[in-house]
C-alpha atoms as a PDB file:
ATOM      1  CA  UNK A   1     196.223 -18.543  87.814  1.00  0.00           C
ATOM      2  CA  UNK A   2     199.464 -16.556  87.492  1.00  0.00           C
ATOM      3  CA  UNK A   3     201.512 -15.639  90.550  1.00  0.00           C
ATOM      4  CA  UNK A   4     202.801 -12.094  90.967  1.00  0.00           C
ATOM      5  CA  UNK A   5     205.674 -10.840  93.083  1.00  0.00           C
ATOM      6  CA  UNK A   6     204.470  -7.648  94.777  1.00  0.00           C
ATOM      7  CA  UNK A   7     206.896  -4.921  95.867  1.00  0.00           C
ATOM      8  CA  UNK A   8     207.534  -4.570  99.579  1.00  0.00           C
ATOM      9  CA  UNK A   9     207.766  -0.764  99.736  1.00  0.00           C
ATOM     10  CA  UNK A  10     205.746   2.084  98.252  1.00  0.00           C
ATOM     11  CA  UNK A  11     202.257   3.549  98.490  1.00  0.00           C
ATOM     12  CA  UNK A  12     199.444   1.035  98.761  1.00  0.00           C
ATOM     13  CA  UNK A  13     195.685   1.393  98.438  1.00  0.00           C
ATOM     14  CA  UNK A  14     193.610  -1.201 100.266  1.00  0.00           C
ATOM     15  CA  UNK A  15     190.270  -1.201  98.424  1.00  0.00           C
ATOM     16  CA  UNK A  16     187.338  -2.786 100.254  1.00  0.00           C
ATOM     17  CA  UNK A  17     184.151  -3.480  98.287  1.00  0.00           C
ATOM     18  CA  UNK A  18     180.871  -4.291 100.025  1.00  0.00           C
ATOM     19  CA  UNK A  19     177.912  -5.199  97.821  1.00  0.00           C
ATOM     20  CA  UNK A  20     174.597  -5.163  99.669  1.00  0.00           C
ATOM     21  CA  UNK A  21     173.773  -8.682 100.857  1.00  0.00           C
ATOM     22  CA  UNK A  22     177.235 -10.118 100.040  1.00  0.00           C
ATOM     23  CA  UNK A  23     180.538 -10.631 101.851  1.00  0.00           C
ATOM     24  CA  UNK A  24     183.146  -7.867 101.654  1.00  0.00           C
ATOM     25  CA  UNK A  25     186.047  -8.235  99.241  1.00  0.00           C
ATOM     26  CA  UNK A  26     189.412  -6.589  99.721  1.00  0.00           C
ATOM     27  CA  UNK A  27     192.117  -5.876  97.151  1.00  0.00           C
ATOM     28  CA  UNK A  28     195.568  -4.404  97.782  1.00  0.00           C
ATOM     29  CA  UNK A  29     196.990  -2.282  94.957  1.00  0.00           C
ATOM     30  CA  UNK A  30     200.507  -0.801  94.857  1.00  0.00           C
ATOM     31  CA  UNK A  31     200.361   2.608  93.183  1.00  0.00           C
ATOM     32  CA  UNK A  32     204.002   3.604  93.665  1.00  0.00           C
ATOM     33  CA  UNK A  33     206.397   0.700  93.782  1.00  0.00           C
ATOM     34  CA  UNK A  34     209.065   2.905  92.117  1.00  0.00           C
ATOM     35  CA  UNK A  35     209.227   5.263  95.107  1.00  0.00           C
ATOM     36  CA  UNK A  36     208.590   8.496  93.183  1.00  0.00           C
ATOM     37  CA  UNK A  37     205.378   9.658  94.912  1.00  0.00           C
ATOM     38  CA  UNK A  38     205.103  11.726  98.067  1.00  0.00           C
ATOM     39  CA  UNK A  39     202.165  11.877 100.506  1.00  0.00           C
ATOM     40  CA  UNK A  40     200.421  14.717  98.644  1.00  0.00           C
ATOM     41  CA  UNK A  41     200.632  12.987  95.251  1.00  0.00           C
ATOM     42  CA  UNK A  42     199.470   9.647  96.635  1.00  0.00           C
ATOM     43  CA  UNK A  43     196.576  11.351  98.468  1.00  0.00           C
ATOM     44  CA  UNK A  44     195.518  13.149  95.273  1.00  0.00           C
ATOM     45  CA  UNK A  45     195.477   9.783  93.488  1.00  0.00           C
ATOM     46  CA  UNK A  46     193.341   8.299  96.274  1.00  0.00           C
ATOM     47  CA  UNK A  47     190.825  11.156  96.159  1.00  0.00           C
ATOM     48  CA  UNK A  48     190.538  10.898  92.354  1.00  0.00           C
ATOM     49  CA  UNK A  49     189.900   7.155  92.641  1.00  0.00           C
ATOM     50  CA  UNK A  50     187.169   7.774  95.231  1.00  0.00           C
ATOM     51  CA  UNK A  51     185.489  10.372  93.012  1.00  0.00           C
ATOM     52  CA  UNK A  52     185.490   7.949  90.063  1.00  0.00           C
ATOM     53  CA  UNK A  53     183.704   5.382  92.261  1.00  0.00           C
ATOM     54  CA  UNK A  54     180.691   7.688  92.512  1.00  0.00           C
ATOM     55  CA  UNK A  55     179.673   6.285  89.095  1.00  0.00           C
ATOM     56  CA  UNK A  56     179.628   2.762  90.535  1.00  0.00           C
ATOM     57  CA  UNK A  57     176.389   0.823  91.189  1.00  0.00           C
ATOM     58  CA  UNK A  58     174.218   2.227  93.981  1.00  0.00           C
ATOM     59  CA  UNK A  59     174.122  -1.040  95.943  1.00  0.00           C
ATOM     60  CA  UNK A  60     177.908  -1.266  96.293  1.00  0.00           C
ATOM     61  CA  UNK A  61     180.055   0.706  98.724  1.00  0.00           C
ATOM     62  CA  UNK A  62     183.806   1.227  98.468  1.00  0.00           C
ATOM     63  CA  UNK A  63     186.343   2.179 101.112  1.00  0.00           C
ATOM     64  CA  UNK A  64     189.866   3.187 100.099  1.00  0.00           C
ATOM     65  CA  UNK A  65     192.687   3.144 102.639  1.00  0.00           C
ATOM     66  CA  UNK A  66     196.059   4.692 101.715  1.00  0.00           C
ATOM     67  CA  UNK A  67     199.155   3.254 103.382  1.00  0.00           C
ATOM     68  CA  UNK A  68     202.836   4.073 102.892  1.00  0.00           C
ATOM     69  CA  UNK A  69     204.759   0.818 103.203  1.00  0.00           C
ATOM     70  CA  UNK A  70     208.449   1.119 104.138  1.00  0.00           C
ATOM     71  CA  UNK A  71     211.131  -1.206 105.397  1.00  0.00           C
ATOM     72  CA  UNK A  72     210.325   0.063 108.919  1.00  0.00           C
ATOM     73  CA  UNK A  73     206.618  -0.763 108.695  1.00  0.00           C
ATOM     74  CA  UNK A  74     203.349   0.658 107.422  1.00  0.00           C
ATOM     75  CA  UNK A  75     202.205   4.257 107.951  1.00  0.00           C
ATOM     76  CA  UNK A  76     198.489   4.998 107.617  1.00  0.00           C
ATOM     77  CA  UNK A  77     197.888   8.173 105.609  1.00  0.00           C
ATOM     78  CA  UNK A  78     194.195   8.519 104.791  1.00  0.00           C
ATOM     79  CA  UNK A  79     190.939   6.609 104.484  1.00  0.00           C
ATOM     80  CA  UNK A  80     188.146   7.659 102.126  1.00  0.00           C
ATOM     81  CA  UNK A  81     184.702   6.146 102.282  1.00  0.00           C
ATOM     82  CA  UNK A  82     182.514   4.403 102.344  1.00  0.00           C
ATOM     83  CA  UNK A  83     181.610   5.754  98.925  1.00  0.00           C
ATOM     84  CA  UNK A  84     178.332   4.564  97.420  1.00  0.00           C
ATOM     85  CA  UNK A  85     177.860   4.912  93.727  1.00  0.00           C
ATOM     86  CA  UNK A  86     174.912   6.592  92.086  1.00  0.00           C
ATOM     87  CA  UNK A  87     174.756   4.258  89.089  1.00  0.00           C
ATOM     88  CA  UNK A  88     172.157   1.558  88.427  1.00  0.00           C
ATOM     89  CA  UNK A  89     172.133  -1.120  91.135  1.00  0.00           C
ATOM     90  CA  UNK A  90     173.571  -4.544  90.340  1.00  0.00           C
ATOM     91  CA  UNK A  91     170.916  -7.269  90.242  1.00  0.00           C
END
C-alpha cells in the first residue's frame, strides 16, 4: 500500500461513516492544503458534501466535521450530521 505525506496545515474534513450493525470508520481529508480557502468557502464545501450524501444508502449515516489546522493547533468550525442517505440499503 502506498504511503502519502499529508500536509500539516489547511482545512480538514473528518468524515465518519457508520453502517448499521458495523463498526464506525473515519477518514481525514485535506480540502485546502494550499491555504487559499477561508471559513466561508470551506463551510460551503462541507455543506455541499453533506447534501451529496443524501443519495447514499439508507442504512449508512455520515458525519462531517470541518477543522482548520494551523501551526498553532486545530480550530473546530462546523459539524454536519449525522446524515442518512435515502438510497437503497446495502445488504
